[in-house]
Amino acid sequence: MPWLQVRLAITPEQAETYEDALLDVGAVSVTFMDAEDQPIFEPDLGTTPLWSHTHLLALFEADTDADALLAHLQLLCGGQLPEHQLELIADQDWERSWMDNFKPMRFGRRLWIVPSWHAAPDPAAINLLLDPGLAFGTGTHPTTALCLEWLDGQPLQDCTVLDFGCGSGILAIAALLLGARLATGTDIDPQALQASRDNASRNGIEPARFPLYLPADLPQEQAEVVVANILAGPLVSLAPQITSLVRPGGRLALSGILAEQAEEVRDAYRDAFELDPTADKDGWVRISGTRRQPDSFR
């Protein structure tokens, strides 16, 4: 069936008031949308940041009396409504529409990420089965793509790998499919660890080859390859810990870094690593390098 959509142009300070009011007058869903393509990159922990110019979208059943709805909303909010727009939108198969946005993606020479509802474009390639979900990391974001392309170019046969901030497990699973013997994953979010387990199982990865830990439980063992696709701030503050987890002569790849943050992150690792040129994609970068032997640290 069709739906009546109400769009309100609000400020962050108005968000809670109008969200509650829309739900009170019968909205079946309320969604916040950026009105000006303004990115929010590193919100404070425990916060739900909004854009300075936000659109609040609410859906109502199509036979809702629009005039009565707006009058009731104005009464609840105690004043004139902000700029608003009403629109009747046609129903559609939302699940099918969502699924159609995700198609197989190739990274490097050998690796494909393939949603479960698609056939693998190249059955002879290394095909990682992964559906979009709650955990960060489906291959669509430039930082994940940069890390996958890097892994595809590494000699991973029989290596040990650590995925620091594993999210969906995509990087560790890719490394295992590319030949790694063991990949360890760690994340602060228990839901991410469960997503990693589920995705590993879908790809035929035995649990023994992909142990998963909360950070407090992570064994302090060095790996031959470490990937950390998180954010620039944590990468800088955790540099001593991440460095200690890379075996001398081992390889490191870092992402989740904006181009303007690259030098700060490089500075945090340059003493312990021989760094490669920075790789960039759509304003995001990857920093990689080889850990120096202890007696050659700067």
C-alpha atoms as a PDB file:
ATOM      1  CA  MET A   1       0.000   0.000   0.000  1.00  0.00           C
ATOM      2  CA  PRO A   2       1.137   3.633  -0.437  1.00  0.00           C
ATOM      3  CA  TRP A   3       2.315   5.761   2.472  1.00  0.00           C
ATOM      4  CA  LEU A   4       2.020   9.382   3.548  1.00  0.00           C
ATOM      5  CA  GLN A   5       5.497  10.760   4.216  1.00  0.00           C
ATOM      6  CA  VAL A   6       6.071  13.863   6.352  1.00  0.00           C
ATOM      7  CA  ARG A   7       9.452  15.554   6.001  1.00  0.00           C
ATOM      8  CA  LEU A   8      10.510  18.153   8.595  1.00  0.00           C
ATOM      9  CA  ALA A   9      13.648  20.316   8.391  1.00  0.00           C
ATOM     10  CA  ILE A  10      14.945  20.422  11.976  1.00  0.00           C
ATOM     11  CA  THR A  11      18.007  21.264  14.039  1.00  0.00           C
ATOM     12  CA  PRO A  12      19.647  18.699  16.354  1.00  0.00           C
ATOM     13  CA  GLU A  13      18.075  20.481  19.353  1.00  0.00           C
ATOM     14  CA  GLN A  14      14.591  19.850  17.947  1.00  0.00           C
ATOM     15  CA  ALA A  15      15.158  16.184  17.157  1.00  0.00           C
ATOM     16  CA  GLU A  16      13.863  14.549  20.331  1.00  0.00           C
ATOM     17  CA  THR A  17      10.783  16.777  20.566  1.00  0.00           C
ATOM     18  CA  TYR A  18       9.657  16.128  17.003  1.00  0.00           C
ATOM     19  CA  GLU A  19      10.551  12.456  17.028  1.00  0.00           C
ATOM     20  CA  ASP A  20       8.398  11.901  20.124  1.00  0.00           C
ATOM     21  CA  ALA A  21       5.568  14.010  18.710  1.00  0.00           C
ATOM     22  CA  LEU A  22       5.524  12.138  15.390  1.00  0.00           C
ATOM     23  CA  LEU A  23       5.360   8.802  17.170  1.00  0.00           C
ATOM     24  CA  ASP A  24       2.585  10.147  19.422  1.00  0.00           C
ATOM     25  CA  VAL A  25       0.447  11.049  16.401  1.00  0.00           C
ATOM     26  CA  GLY A  26       0.809   7.612  14.861  1.00  0.00           C
ATOM     27  CA  ALA A  27       3.974   7.481  12.735  1.00  0.00           C
ATOM     28  CA  VAL A  28       4.886   3.897  11.880  1.00  0.00           C
ATOM     29  CA  SER A  29       8.536   4.853  11.379  1.00  0.00           C
ATOM     30  CA  VAL A  30      10.766   7.885  11.977  1.00  0.00           C
ATOM     31  CA  THR A  31      14.120   8.350  10.227  1.00  0.00           C
ATOM     32  CA  PHE A  32      16.833  11.014  10.461  1.00  0.00           C
ATOM     33  CA  MET A  33      18.523  12.078   7.215  1.00  0.00           C
ATOM     34  CA  ASP A  34      21.408  14.415   6.459  1.00  0.00           C
ATOM     35  CA  ALA A  35      20.029  17.445   4.602  1.00  0.00           C
ATOM     36  CA  GLU A  36      23.374  18.712   3.261  1.00  0.00           C
ATOM     37  CA  ASP A  37      25.755  15.741   2.821  1.00  0.00           C
ATOM     38  CA  GLN A  38      27.636  16.692   5.990  1.00  0.00           C
ATOM     39  CA  PRO A  39      29.848  13.804   7.207  1.00  0.00           C
ATOM     40  CA  ILE A  40      30.233  12.833  10.876  1.00  0.00           C
ATOM     41  CA  PHE A  41      33.423  10.809  11.220  1.00  0.00           C
ATOM     42  CA  GLU A  42      34.360  10.241  14.873  1.00  0.00           C
ATOM     43  CA  PRO A  43      31.445  10.814  17.280  1.00  0.00           C
ATOM     44  CA  ASP A  44      32.047  10.709  21.017  1.00  0.00           C
ATOM     45  CA  LEU A  45      31.352   7.360  22.632  1.00  0.00           C
ATOM     46  CA  GLY A  46      27.780   6.992  23.873  1.00  0.00           C
ATOM     47  CA  THR A  47      26.417   9.770  21.654  1.00  0.00           C
ATOM     48  CA  THR A  48      24.063   9.785  18.679  1.00  0.00           C
ATOM     49  CA  PRO A  49      25.227  12.828  16.713  1.00  0.00           C
ATOM     50  CA  LEU A  50      23.013  14.560  14.182  1.00  0.00           C
ATOM     51  CA  TRP A  51      23.831  16.878  11.330  1.00  0.00           C
ATOM     52  CA  SER A  52      23.432  20.637  11.793  1.00  0.00           C
ATOM     53  CA  HIS A  53      20.724  20.514   9.119  1.00  0.00           C
ATOM     54  CA  THR A  54      18.668  17.361   9.492  1.00  0.00           C
ATOM     55  CA  HIS A  55      15.555  16.068   7.783  1.00  0.00           C
ATOM     56  CA  LEU A  56      13.179  14.048   9.927  1.00  0.00           C
ATOM     57  CA  LEU A  57      11.123  11.645   7.819  1.00  0.00           C
ATOM     58  CA  ALA A  58       7.997   9.982   9.189  1.00  0.00           C
ATOM     59  CA  LEU A  59       5.708   7.473   7.494  1.00  0.00           C
ATOM     60  CA  PHE A  60       1.955   7.284   8.114  1.00  0.00           C
ATOM     61  CA  GLU A  61      -0.746   5.124   6.620  1.00  0.00           C
ATOM     62  CA  ALA A  62      -1.965   6.617   3.348  1.00  0.00           C
ATOM     63  CA  ASP A  63      -5.502   7.381   4.590  1.00  0.00           C
ATOM     64  CA  THR A  64      -4.198   9.602   7.423  1.00  0.00           C
ATOM     65  CA  ASP A  65      -5.884  13.032   7.499  1.00  0.00           C
ATOM     66  CA  ALA A  66      -2.913  15.275   6.682  1.00  0.00           C
ATOM     67  CA  ASP A  67      -4.494  18.517   7.941  1.00  0.00           C
ATOM     68  CA  ALA A  68      -5.482  16.947  11.257  1.00  0.00           C
ATOM     69  CA  LEU A  69      -2.047  15.384  11.555  1.00  0.00           C
ATOM     70  CA  LEU A  70      -0.224  18.705  11.135  1.00  0.00           C
ATOM     71  CA  ALA A  71      -2.585  20.484  13.510  1.00  0.00           C
ATOM     72  CA  HIS A  72      -2.073  17.823  16.179  1.00  0.00           C
ATOM     73  CA  LEU A  73       1.683  17.914  15.657  1.00  0.00           C
ATOM     74  CA  GLN A  74       1.736  21.700  16.018  1.00  0.00           C
ATOM     75  CA  LEU A  75      -0.270  21.449  19.222  1.00  0.00           C
ATOM     76  CA  LEU A  76       2.072  18.866  20.715  1.00  0.00           C
ATOM     77  CA  CYS A  77       5.181  20.882  19.852  1.00  0.00           C
ATOM     78  CA  GLY A  78       3.768  24.192  21.089  1.00  0.00           C
ATOM     79  CA  GLY A  79       4.321  26.424  18.093  1.00  0.00           C
ATOM     80  CA  GLN A  80       4.730  26.801  14.372  1.00  0.00           C
ATOM     81  CA  LEU A  81       6.143  23.762  12.626  1.00  0.00           C
ATOM     82  CA  PRO A  82       9.537  24.035  10.937  1.00  0.00           C
ATOM     83  CA  GLU A  83       9.721  23.865   7.164  1.00  0.00           C
ATOM     84  CA  HIS A  84       7.865  20.730   6.140  1.00  0.00           C
ATOM     85  CA  GLN A  85       6.632  18.761   3.163  1.00  0.00           C
ATOM     86  CA  LEU A  86       4.005  16.033   2.697  1.00  0.00           C
ATOM     87  CA  GLU A  87       4.263  13.427  -0.027  1.00  0.00           C
ATOM     88  CA  LEU A  88       2.337  10.314  -0.987  1.00  0.00           C
ATOM     89  CA  ILE A  89       4.879   7.613  -1.858  1.00  0.00           C
ATOM     90  CA  ALA A  90       4.170   4.352  -3.605  1.00  0.00           C
ATOM     91  CA  ASP A  91       4.723   1.064  -1.867  1.00  0.00           C
ATOM     92  CA  GLN A  92       7.510  -1.177  -3.118  1.00  0.00           C
ATOM     93  CA  ASP A  93       9.289  -4.383  -2.254  1.00  0.00           C
ATOM     94  CA  TRP A  94      11.680  -2.737   0.216  1.00  0.00           C
ATOM     95  CA  GLU A  95      13.673  -5.924   0.808  1.00  0.00           C
ATOM     96  CA  ARG A  96      14.173  -6.505  -2.911  1.00  0.00           C
ATOM     97  CA  SER A  97      15.084  -2.838  -3.453  1.00  0.00           C
ATOM     98  CA  TRP A  98      17.647  -3.036  -0.641  1.00  0.00           C
ATOM     99  CA  MET A  99      19.109  -6.278  -1.965  1.00  0.00           C
ATOM    100  CA  ASP A 100      19.444  -4.877  -5.480  1.00  0.00           C
ATOM    101  CA  ASN A 101      21.893  -2.248  -4.157  1.00  0.00           C
ATOM    102  CA  PHE A 102      24.438  -4.905  -3.195  1.00  0.00           C
ATOM    103  CA  LYS A 103      26.152  -6.776  -6.009  1.00  0.00           C
ATOM    104  CA  PRO A 104      29.356  -8.851  -6.156  1.00  0.00           C
ATOM    105  CA  MET A 105      32.499  -6.709  -5.865  1.00  0.00           C
ATOM    106  CA  ARG A 106      36.045  -7.549  -6.935  1.00  0.00           C
ATOM    107  CA  PHE A 107      39.117  -6.549  -4.905  1.00  0.00           C
ATOM    108  CA  GLY A 108      42.559  -6.987  -6.387  1.00  0.00           C
ATOM    109  CA  ARG A 109      43.151  -9.889  -8.774  1.00  0.00           C
ATOM    110  CA  ARG A 110      41.586 -12.869  -7.007  1.00  0.00           C
ATOM    111  CA  LEU A 111      39.085 -11.827  -4.379  1.00  0.00           C
ATOM    112  CA  TRP A 112      35.340 -11.274  -4.747  1.00  0.00           C
ATOM    113  CA  ILE A 113      32.776 -10.357  -2.072  1.00  0.00           C
ATOM    114  CA  VAL A 114      29.515 -12.038  -3.064  1.00  0.00           C
ATOM    115  CA  PRO A 115      26.087 -11.496  -1.401  1.00  0.00           C
ATOM    116  CA  SER A 116      24.228 -14.748  -0.748  1.00  0.00           C
ATOM    117  CA  TRP A 117      21.473 -13.940  -3.260  1.00  0.00           C
ATOM    118  CA  HIS A 118      23.939 -13.570  -6.158  1.00  0.00           C
ATOM    119  CA  ALA A 119      25.805 -16.219  -8.104  1.00  0.00           C
ATOM    120  CA  ALA A 120      29.581 -15.793  -8.039  1.00  0.00           C
ATOM    121  CA  PRO A 121      30.670 -13.999 -11.249  1.00  0.00           C
ATOM    122  CA  ASP A 122      33.837 -16.113 -11.345  1.00  0.00           C
ATOM    123  CA  PRO A 123      33.378 -19.505  -9.637  1.00  0.00           C
ATOM    124  CA  ALA A 124      37.114 -20.170  -9.964  1.00  0.00           C
ATOM    125  CA  ALA A 125      38.031 -16.998  -8.015  1.00  0.00           C
ATOM    126  CA  ILE A 126      38.237 -16.667  -4.228  1.00  0.00           C
ATOM    127  CA  ASN A 127      34.643 -15.855  -3.345  1.00  0.00           C
ATOM    128  CA  LEU A 128      33.811 -14.566   0.122  1.00  0.00           C
ATOM    129  CA  LEU A 129      30.091 -14.863   0.878  1.00  0.00           C
ATOM    130  CA  LEU A 130      28.924 -11.879   2.894  1.00  0.00           C
ATOM    131  CA  ASP A 131      25.577 -10.155   3.311  1.00  0.00           C
ATOM    132  CA  PRO A 132      25.250  -6.559   4.509  1.00  0.00           C
ATOM    133  CA  GLY A 133      24.483  -6.465   8.229  1.00  0.00           C
ATOM    134  CA  LEU A 134      24.854  -4.487  11.428  1.00  0.00           C
ATOM    135  CA  ALA A 135      28.619  -4.863  11.774  1.00  0.00           C
ATOM    136  CA  PHE A 136      30.855  -2.492   9.842  1.00  0.00           C
ATOM    137  CA  GLY A 137      32.607  -4.055   6.885  1.00  0.00           C
ATOM    138  CA  THR A 138      30.867  -5.293   3.755  1.00  0.00           C
ATOM    139  CA  GLY A 139      33.355  -4.083   1.153  1.00  0.00           C
ATOM    140  CA  THR A 140      31.330  -1.069   0.090  1.00  0.00           C
ATOM    141  CA  HIS A 141      33.278   1.468   2.159  1.00  0.00           C
ATOM    142  CA  PRO A 142      36.588   2.738   0.734  1.00  0.00           C
ATOM    143  CA  THR A 143      38.529   1.780   3.885  1.00  0.00           C
ATOM    144  CA  THR A 144      37.383  -1.837   3.679  1.00  0.00           C
ATOM    145  CA  ALA A 145      38.122  -1.894  -0.040  1.00  0.00           C
ATOM    146  CA  LEU A 146      41.638  -0.558   0.559  1.00  0.00           C
ATOM    147  CA  CYS A 147      42.330  -3.299   3.108  1.00  0.00           C
ATOM    148  CA  LEU A 148      40.891  -6.068   0.926  1.00  0.00           C
ATOM    149  CA  GLU A 149      42.970  -4.945  -2.053  1.00  0.00           C
ATOM    150  CA  TRP A 150      46.068  -4.915   0.164  1.00  0.00           C
ATOM    151  CA  LEU A 151      45.372  -8.416   1.488  1.00  0.00           C
ATOM    152  CA  ASP A 152      44.868  -9.719  -2.044  1.00  0.00           C
ATOM    153  CA  GLY A 153      48.380  -8.547  -2.894  1.00  0.00           C
ATOM    154  CA  GLN A 154      50.099 -10.114   0.146  1.00  0.00           C
ATOM    155  CA  PRO A 155      51.806 -13.543   0.285  1.00  0.00           C
ATOM    156  CA  LEU A 156      49.492 -14.951   2.963  1.00  0.00           C
ATOM    157  CA  GLN A 157      50.059 -18.683   2.485  1.00  0.00           C
ATOM    158  CA  ASP A 158      50.355 -20.318   5.957  1.00  0.00           C
ATOM    159  CA  CYS A 159      50.632 -16.905   7.673  1.00  0.00           C
ATOM    160  CA  THR A 160      49.124 -15.884  10.991  1.00  0.00           C
ATOM    161  CA  VAL A 161      46.867 -12.814  10.801  1.00  0.00           C
ATOM    162  CA  LEU A 162      45.315 -10.505  13.400  1.00  0.00           C
ATOM    163  CA  ASP A 163      42.226  -8.439  12.518  1.00  0.00           C
ATOM    164  CA  PHE A 164      42.196  -5.659  15.126  1.00  0.00           C
ATOM    165  CA  GLY A 165      38.619  -4.321  15.197  1.00  0.00           C
ATOM    166  CA  CYS A 166      37.213  -7.158  13.120  1.00  0.00           C
ATOM    167  CA  GLY A 167      33.605  -5.926  12.722  1.00  0.00           C
ATOM    168  CA  SER A 168      31.943  -8.344  10.320  1.00  0.00           C
ATOM    169  CA  GLY A 169      35.114 -10.442  10.086  1.00  0.00           C
ATOM    170  CA  ILE A 170      35.490  -9.611   6.407  1.00  0.00           C
ATOM    171  CA  LEU A 171      39.246  -8.954   6.502  1.00  0.00           C
ATOM    172  CA  ALA A 172      40.159 -11.997   8.583  1.00  0.00           C
ATOM    173  CA  ILE A 173      37.930 -14.289   6.517  1.00  0.00           C
ATOM    174  CA  ALA A 174      39.415 -12.884   3.301  1.00  0.00           C
ATOM    175  CA  ALA A 175      42.902 -13.574   4.647  1.00  0.00           C
ATOM    176  CA  LEU A 176      41.967 -17.170   5.483  1.00  0.00           C
ATOM    177  CA  LEU A 177      40.458 -17.744   2.049  1.00  0.00           C
ATOM    178  CA  LEU A 178      43.604 -16.243   0.518  1.00  0.00           C
ATOM    179  CA  GLY A 179      45.758 -18.850   2.279  1.00  0.00           C
ATOM    180  CA  ALA A 180      46.408 -17.717   5.856  1.00  0.00           C
ATOM    181  CA  ARG A 181      46.730 -20.572   8.335  1.00  0.00           C
ATOM    182  CA  LEU A 182      45.168 -18.749  11.296  1.00  0.00           C
ATOM    183  CA  ALA A 183      43.363 -15.430  11.700  1.00  0.00           C
ATOM    184  CA  THR A 184      42.532 -13.982  15.105  1.00  0.00           C
ATOM    185  CA  GLY A 185      39.802 -11.362  15.447  1.00  0.00           C
ATOM    186  CA  THR A 186      39.125  -8.876  18.207  1.00  0.00           C
ATOM    187  CA  ASP A 187      36.441  -6.212  18.632  1.00  0.00           C
ATOM    188  CA  ILE A 188      34.960  -4.173  21.465  1.00  0.00           C
ATOM    189  CA  ASP A 189      31.415  -5.052  20.320  1.00  0.00           C
ATOM    190  CA  PRO A 190      30.125  -8.556  21.197  1.00  0.00           C
ATOM    191  CA  GLN A 191      27.647  -8.267  18.312  1.00  0.00           C
ATOM    192  CA  ALA A 192      30.568  -7.834  15.923  1.00  0.00           C
ATOM    193  CA  LEU A 193      32.146 -11.020  17.250  1.00  0.00           C
ATOM    194  CA  GLN A 194      28.896 -12.889  16.662  1.00  0.00           C
ATOM    195  CA  ALA A 195      28.655 -11.466  13.144  1.00  0.00           C
ATOM    196  CA  SER A 196      32.225 -12.634  12.513  1.00  0.00           C
ATOM    197  CA  ARG A 197      31.363 -16.147  13.721  1.00  0.00           C
ATOM    198  CA  ASP A 198      28.283 -16.286  11.507  1.00  0.00           C
ATOM    199  CA  ASN A 199      30.156 -15.034   8.439  1.00  0.00           C
ATOM    200  CA  ALA A 200      33.039 -17.449   9.032  1.00  0.00           C
ATOM    201  CA  SER A 201      30.600 -20.365   9.250  1.00  0.00           C
ATOM    202  CA  ARG A 202      28.908 -19.276   6.015  1.00  0.00           C
ATOM    203  CA  ASN A 203      32.291 -19.416   4.304  1.00  0.00           C
ATOM    204  CA  GLY A 204      33.244 -22.837   5.661  1.00  0.00           C
ATOM    205  CA  ILE A 205      35.866 -21.507   8.095  1.00  0.00           C
ATOM    206  CA  GLU A 206      36.380 -23.783  11.097  1.00  0.00           C
ATOM    207  CA  PRO A 207      36.219 -21.968  14.473  1.00  0.00           C
ATOM    208  CA  ALA A 208      39.708 -23.201  15.342  1.00  0.00           C
ATOM    209  CA  ARG A 209      41.133 -21.207  12.421  1.00  0.00           C
ATOM    210  CA  PHE A 210      39.359 -17.992  13.465  1.00  0.00           C
ATOM    211  CA  PRO A 211      39.397 -17.459  17.254  1.00  0.00           C
ATOM    212  CA  LEU A 212      37.592 -14.308  18.407  1.00  0.00           C
ATOM    213  CA  TYR A 213      38.173 -12.220  21.517  1.00  0.00           C
ATOM    214  CA  LEU A 214      37.085  -9.110  23.310  1.00  0.00           C
ATOM    215  CA  PRO A 215      40.138  -6.839  23.694  1.00  0.00           C
ATOM    216  CA  ALA A 216      40.614  -7.679  27.376  1.00  0.00           C
ATOM    217  CA  ASP A 217      40.883 -11.372  26.511  1.00  0.00           C
ATOM    218  CA  LEU A 218      43.121 -11.058  23.454  1.00  0.00           C
ATOM    219  CA  PRO A 219      46.287 -13.178  23.794  1.00  0.00           C
ATOM    220  CA  GLN A 220      49.394 -11.037  23.506  1.00  0.00           C
ATOM    221  CA  GLU A 221      50.837 -13.081  20.659  1.00  0.00           C
ATOM    222  CA  GLN A 222      52.517 -11.603  17.623  1.00  0.00           C
ATOM    223  CA  ALA A 223      51.144 -12.195  14.131  1.00  0.00           C
ATOM    224  CA  GLU A 224      52.884 -12.090  10.789  1.00  0.00           C
ATOM    225  CA  VAL A 225      50.165  -9.827   9.344  1.00  0.00           C
ATOM    226  CA  VAL A 226      48.037  -7.327  11.273  1.00  0.00           C
ATOM    227  CA  VAL A 227      45.150  -5.303   9.824  1.00  0.00           C
ATOM    228  CA  ALA A 228      43.326  -2.588  11.742  1.00  0.00           C
ATOM    229  CA  ASN A 229      40.474  -0.817   9.971  1.00  0.00           C
ATOM    230  CA  ILE A 230      39.121   1.360  12.775  1.00  0.00           C
ATOM    231  CA  LEU A 231      39.537   5.157  13.145  1.00  0.00           C
ATOM    232  CA  ALA A 232      42.498   7.509  13.170  1.00  0.00           C
ATOM    233  CA  GLY A 233      42.144   8.511  16.838  1.00  0.00           C
ATOM    234  CA  PRO A 234      42.261   4.952  18.204  1.00  0.00           C
ATOM    235  CA  LEU A 235      44.992   3.996  15.741  1.00  0.00           C
ATOM    236  CA  VAL A 236      47.210   6.747  17.177  1.00  0.00           C
ATOM    237  CA  SER A 237      46.407   6.106  20.833  1.00  0.00           C
ATOM    238  CA  LEU A 238      46.730   2.315  20.436  1.00  0.00           C
ATOM    239  CA  ALA A 239      49.923   2.468  18.350  1.00  0.00           C
ATOM    240  CA  PRO A 240      52.149   0.891  21.057  1.00  0.00           C
ATOM    241  CA  GLN A 241      49.741  -2.032  21.521  1.00  0.00           C
ATOM    242  CA  ILE A 242      49.152  -2.594  17.805  1.00  0.00           C
ATOM    243  CA  THR A 243      52.887  -2.391  17.109  1.00  0.00           C
ATOM    244  CA  SER A 244      53.607  -4.977  19.805  1.00  0.00           C
ATOM    245  CA  LEU A 245      51.249  -7.431  18.071  1.00  0.00           C
ATOM    246  CA  VAL A 246      53.233  -7.381  14.801  1.00  0.00           C
ATOM    247  CA  ARG A 247      56.135  -9.790  14.542  1.00  0.00           C
ATOM    248  CA  PRO A 248      59.481  -8.178  13.559  1.00  0.00           C
ATOM    249  CA  GLY A 249      59.568  -8.409   9.782  1.00  0.00           C
ATOM    250  CA  GLY A 250      55.769  -8.716   9.774  1.00  0.00           C
ATOM    251  CA  ARG A 251      53.347  -6.598   7.791  1.00  0.00           C
ATOM    252  CA  LEU A 252      50.790  -4.035   9.006  1.00  0.00           C
ATOM    253  CA  ALA A 253      47.882  -2.310   7.256  1.00  0.00           C
ATOM    254  CA  LEU A 254      45.889   0.499   8.863  1.00  0.00           C
ATOM    255  CA  SER A 255      42.752   2.198   7.562  1.00  0.00           C
ATOM    256  CA  GLY A 256      39.680   4.106   8.688  1.00  0.00           C
ATOM    257  CA  ILE A 257      41.822   7.214   8.154  1.00  0.00           C
ATOM    258  CA  LEU A 258      40.869  10.410   6.372  1.00  0.00           C
ATOM    259  CA  ALA A 259      43.461  11.846   4.011  1.00  0.00           C
ATOM    260  CA  GLU A 260      44.075  14.831   6.281  1.00  0.00           C
ATOM    261  CA  GLN A 261      44.762  12.467   9.224  1.00  0.00           C
ATOM    262  CA  ALA A 262      47.379  10.408   7.401  1.00  0.00           C
ATOM    263  CA  GLU A 263      50.504  12.196   8.632  1.00  0.00           C
ATOM    264  CA  GLU A 264      49.449  11.980  12.275  1.00  0.00           C
ATOM    265  CA  VAL A 265      48.939   8.232  11.951  1.00  0.00           C
ATOM    266  CA  ARG A 266      52.174   7.760   9.995  1.00  0.00           C
ATOM    267  CA  ASP A 267      54.046   9.662  12.738  1.00  0.00           C
ATOM    268  CA  ALA A 268      52.697   7.240  15.358  1.00  0.00           C
ATOM    269  CA  TYR A 269      54.133   4.214  13.491  1.00  0.00           C
ATOM    270  CA  ARG A 270      57.146   5.434  11.525  1.00  0.00           C
ATOM    271  CA  ASP A 271      59.728   4.631  14.219  1.00  0.00           C
ATOM    272  CA  ALA A 272      58.761   0.954  14.366  1.00  0.00           C
ATOM    273  CA  PHE A 273      57.832   0.403  10.703  1.00  0.00           C
ATOM    274  CA  GLU A 274      59.313   0.898   7.270  1.00  0.00           C
ATOM    275  CA  LEU A 275      56.218   2.533   5.797  1.00  0.00           C
ATOM    276  CA  ASP A 276      54.959   2.159   2.243  1.00  0.00           C
ATOM    277  CA  PRO A 277      53.568   5.100   0.251  1.00  0.00           C
ATOM    278  CA  THR A 278      50.080   6.008   1.463  1.00  0.00           C
ATOM    279  CA  ALA A 279      47.260   4.567  -0.654  1.00  0.00           C
ATOM    280  CA  ASP A 280      44.083   6.623  -1.059  1.00  0.00           C
ATOM    281  CA  LYS A 281      40.517   6.070  -2.202  1.00  0.00           C
ATOM    282  CA  ASP A 282      37.722   8.666  -2.189  1.00  0.00           C
ATOM    283  CA  GLY A 283      39.302  10.784   0.535  1.00  0.00           C
ATOM    284  CA  TRP A 284      40.247   7.819   2.756  1.00  0.00           C
ATOM    285  CA  VAL A 285      43.691   6.270   3.046  1.00  0.00           C
ATOM    286  CA  ARG A 286      45.517   3.071   3.925  1.00  0.00           C
ATOM    287  CA  ILE A 287      48.903   3.107   5.643  1.00  0.00           C
ATOM    288  CA  SER A 288      50.984  -0.058   5.466  1.00  0.00           C
ATOM    289  CA  GLY A 289      54.495  -1.102   6.293  1.00  0.00           C
ATOM    290  CA  THR A 290      56.938  -3.719   7.538  1.00  0.00           C
ATOM    291  CA  ARG A 291      57.975  -3.856  11.183  1.00  0.00           C
ATOM    292  CA  ARG A 292      61.624  -3.103  11.713  1.00  0.00           C
ATOM    293  CA  GLN A 293      63.866  -5.459  13.635  1.00  0.00           C
ATOM    294  CA  PRO A 294      64.180  -4.250  17.271  1.00  0.00           C
ATOM    295  CA  ASP A 295      67.782  -3.094  16.862  1.00  0.00           C
ATOM    296  CA  SER A 296      66.865  -0.981  13.844  1.00  0.00           C
ATOM    297  CA  PHE A 297      64.122   1.125  15.480  1.00  0.00           C
ATOM    298  CA  ARG A 298      64.636   4.837  14.962  1.00  0.00           C
END
